[in-house]
N, C-alpha and C. Protein backbone atom coordinates (compact mmCIF):
# COMPACT_ATOMS: atom_id res chain seq x y z
N MET A 1 132.59 159.38 105.31
CA MET A 1 133.43 159.37 103.95
C MET A 1 132.39 160.45 103.52
N LYS A 2 133.79 161.79 102.85
CA LYS A 2 133.11 162.79 102.21
C LYS A 2 132.41 162.73 101.04
N PRO A 3 131.67 163.21 100.32
CA PRO A 3 131.33 162.76 99.17
C PRO A 3 132.44 163.87 97.95
N THR A 4 132.34 162.79 96.83
CA THR A 4 133.40 163.53 96.12
C THR A 4 132.32 163.94 94.17
N ALA A 5 133.21 165.35 94.09
CA ALA A 5 132.62 165.86 92.61
C ALA A 5 133.00 164.96 91.46
N VAL A 6 131.76 164.72 90.74
CA VAL A 6 131.85 164.59 90.30
C VAL A 6 131.64 165.07 88.43
N LYS A 7 131.15 165.97 88.67
CA LYS A 7 130.44 166.57 87.56
C LYS A 7 130.76 168.11 87.82
N ALA A 8 130.80 168.83 87.36
CA ALA A 8 130.87 170.65 87.10
C ALA A 8 129.88 171.08 86.36
N GLU A 9 129.11 172.10 86.29
CA GLU A 9 128.43 172.72 85.81
C GLU A 9 128.81 174.39 85.95
N VAL A 10 128.84 174.60 84.63
CA VAL A 10 128.89 176.69 84.71
C VAL A 10 127.47 176.95 84.20
N PHE A 11 126.92 178.37 85.01
CA PHE A 11 126.21 178.85 84.61
C PHE A 11 126.43 180.74 84.31
N ASN A 12 125.64 181.20 83.61
CA ASN A 12 126.08 182.29 83.88
C ASN A 12 125.21 182.97 84.36
N MET A 13 124.69 184.70 84.76
CA MET A 13 124.16 185.43 85.53
C MET A 13 122.64 185.32 85.55
N LEU A 14 122.16 184.32 83.70
CA LEU A 14 120.91 184.53 83.72
C LEU A 14 120.08 183.36 84.03
N GLY A 15 122.09 182.57 84.50
CA GLY A 15 120.69 181.41 84.69
C GLY A 15 121.16 179.91 83.84
N GLU A 16 121.47 180.03 82.45
CA GLU A 16 121.75 179.64 81.47
C GLU A 16 123.23 178.48 81.78
N LYS A 17 123.06 177.55 81.45
CA LYS A 17 124.27 176.09 81.98
C LYS A 17 124.70 176.39 80.49
N VAL A 18 125.82 177.10 80.68
CA VAL A 18 126.98 177.42 79.52
C VAL A 18 127.86 176.28 79.62
N TYR A 19 128.22 175.26 80.37
CA TYR A 19 128.98 174.39 80.37
C TYR A 19 129.26 173.47 81.64
N VAL A 20 129.78 171.72 81.02
CA VAL A 20 129.09 170.64 81.61
C VAL A 20 130.82 170.00 81.40
N THR A 21 131.32 169.58 82.73
CA THR A 21 132.01 168.87 82.04
C THR A 21 132.49 167.43 83.39
N ARG A 22 133.01 166.28 83.53
CA ARG A 22 132.82 165.50 84.79
C ARG A 22 134.52 165.76 85.01
N ASP A 23 135.56 166.00 84.50
CA ASP A 23 136.82 166.10 85.18
C ASP A 23 136.94 167.78 85.61
N CYS A 24 136.46 167.44 87.24
CA CYS A 24 135.97 168.73 87.73
C CYS A 24 137.64 169.03 88.25
N GLU A 25 138.45 168.28 87.99
CA GLU A 25 140.39 169.15 88.06
C GLU A 25 140.33 169.79 86.79
N ARG A 26 140.27 169.77 86.11
CA ARG A 26 140.49 171.01 84.46
C ARG A 26 139.32 170.99 83.96
N ILE A 27 139.52 172.50 84.31
CA ILE A 27 138.05 172.94 83.91
C ILE A 27 138.11 174.07 82.80
N ASP A 28 137.58 174.07 81.46
CA ASP A 28 138.64 175.16 80.15
C ASP A 28 137.04 175.46 79.70
N LEU A 29 137.74 176.71 80.33
CA LEU A 29 136.20 178.33 80.09
C LEU A 29 137.11 179.10 78.53
N SER A 30 138.13 178.55 77.62
CA SER A 30 138.45 179.56 76.78
C SER A 30 137.83 180.19 76.14
N LYS A 31 136.53 178.84 75.94
CA LYS A 31 135.30 179.02 74.66
C LYS A 31 134.65 180.19 75.72
N LEU A 32 134.56 180.84 77.14
CA LEU A 32 133.48 181.48 77.09
C LEU A 32 133.81 182.90 77.39
N THR A 33 132.48 183.78 76.91
CA THR A 33 133.33 184.98 77.40
C THR A 33 133.97 186.46 78.36
N SER A 34 133.89 186.98 78.54
CA SER A 34 134.67 187.64 79.83
C SER A 34 133.02 188.22 80.30
N ASP A 35 132.69 187.33 81.74
CA ASP A 35 131.28 187.92 82.66
C ASP A 35 132.00 187.14 83.47
N VAL A 36 130.66 186.81 84.29
CA VAL A 36 130.75 186.19 86.14
C VAL A 36 129.87 185.00 85.43
N TYR A 37 130.35 184.54 86.29
CA TYR A 37 130.01 182.53 85.86
C TYR A 37 129.91 182.13 87.17
N LEU A 38 128.85 180.94 87.94
CA LEU A 38 128.81 180.46 88.71
C LEU A 38 129.62 179.34 88.60
N LEU A 39 129.97 178.01 89.01
CA LEU A 39 130.88 177.07 88.63
C LEU A 39 129.96 176.11 89.98
N HIS A 40 128.88 175.04 89.70
CA HIS A 40 128.78 173.74 91.06
C HIS A 40 129.28 172.99 90.79
N TYR A 41 130.00 172.05 91.28
CA TYR A 41 130.51 170.98 91.72
C TYR A 41 129.36 169.95 92.13
N LEU A 42 128.94 168.97 91.80
CA LEU A 42 127.74 168.14 92.14
C LEU A 42 128.86 166.44 92.15
N ASP A 43 128.25 165.82 93.16
CA ASP A 43 128.31 164.54 93.85
C ASP A 43 127.42 163.71 92.56
N ARG A 44 127.81 161.97 92.88
CA ARG A 44 127.07 161.23 91.60
C ARG A 44 125.73 161.38 91.39
N THR A 45 125.15 162.01 93.41
CA THR A 45 123.78 162.13 92.60
C THR A 45 123.04 163.24 92.76
N GLY A 46 123.67 164.43 91.55
CA GLY A 46 123.15 165.43 91.07
C GLY A 46 123.33 166.72 92.24
N ARG A 47 123.63 166.39 93.81
CA ARG A 47 123.66 167.17 94.46
C ARG A 47 125.02 168.05 94.85
N ILE A 48 124.76 169.51 94.77
CA ILE A 48 125.63 170.43 94.59
C ILE A 48 126.83 170.31 95.73
N LEU A 49 127.73 170.36 95.73
CA LEU A 49 128.58 169.96 97.18
C LEU A 49 128.80 171.63 96.99
N LYS A 50 129.28 171.97 96.23
CA LYS A 50 129.65 173.70 96.61
C LYS A 50 130.20 174.31 95.19
N THR A 51 129.80 175.60 95.37
CA THR A 51 129.55 176.55 94.69
C THR A 51 130.74 177.46 94.15
N GLU A 52 131.27 178.26 93.33
CA GLU A 52 131.54 179.45 93.56
C GLU A 52 131.77 180.16 92.38
N ARG A 53 131.99 181.45 92.36
CA ARG A 53 131.56 182.72 91.59
C ARG A 53 132.83 182.62 90.44
N LEU A 54 133.30 182.67 89.53
CA LEU A 54 133.82 183.71 88.47
C LEU A 54 134.11 184.31 87.50
N ILE A 55 135.38 185.14 88.05
CA ILE A 55 135.30 185.98 86.84
C ILE A 55 136.01 185.43 85.79
N LYS A 56 135.41 186.14 85.35
CA LYS A 56 136.58 185.77 83.76
C LYS A 56 136.77 186.93 82.47
N SER A 57 137.92 187.75 82.89
CA SER A 57 138.33 188.50 81.76
C SER A 57 139.40 188.64 80.76
C-alpha cells in the first residue's frame, strides 16, 4: 500500500518553515512573498514522501 500525504510544509531557501497545512489538496501560498520555496509532503509518521521546488512570482 502506497503511503498517503497527510501534511504539507513549505520552507524558504534559508530553511525556515513558513507554512504548514494538513490539507494537501489545497495549499494557499497567497500570503507568501515572491521567492523560491521547498514544499515537503509528509506521511502520518512525519517521513517526507515528496519534495517539490516552488517559484512564486
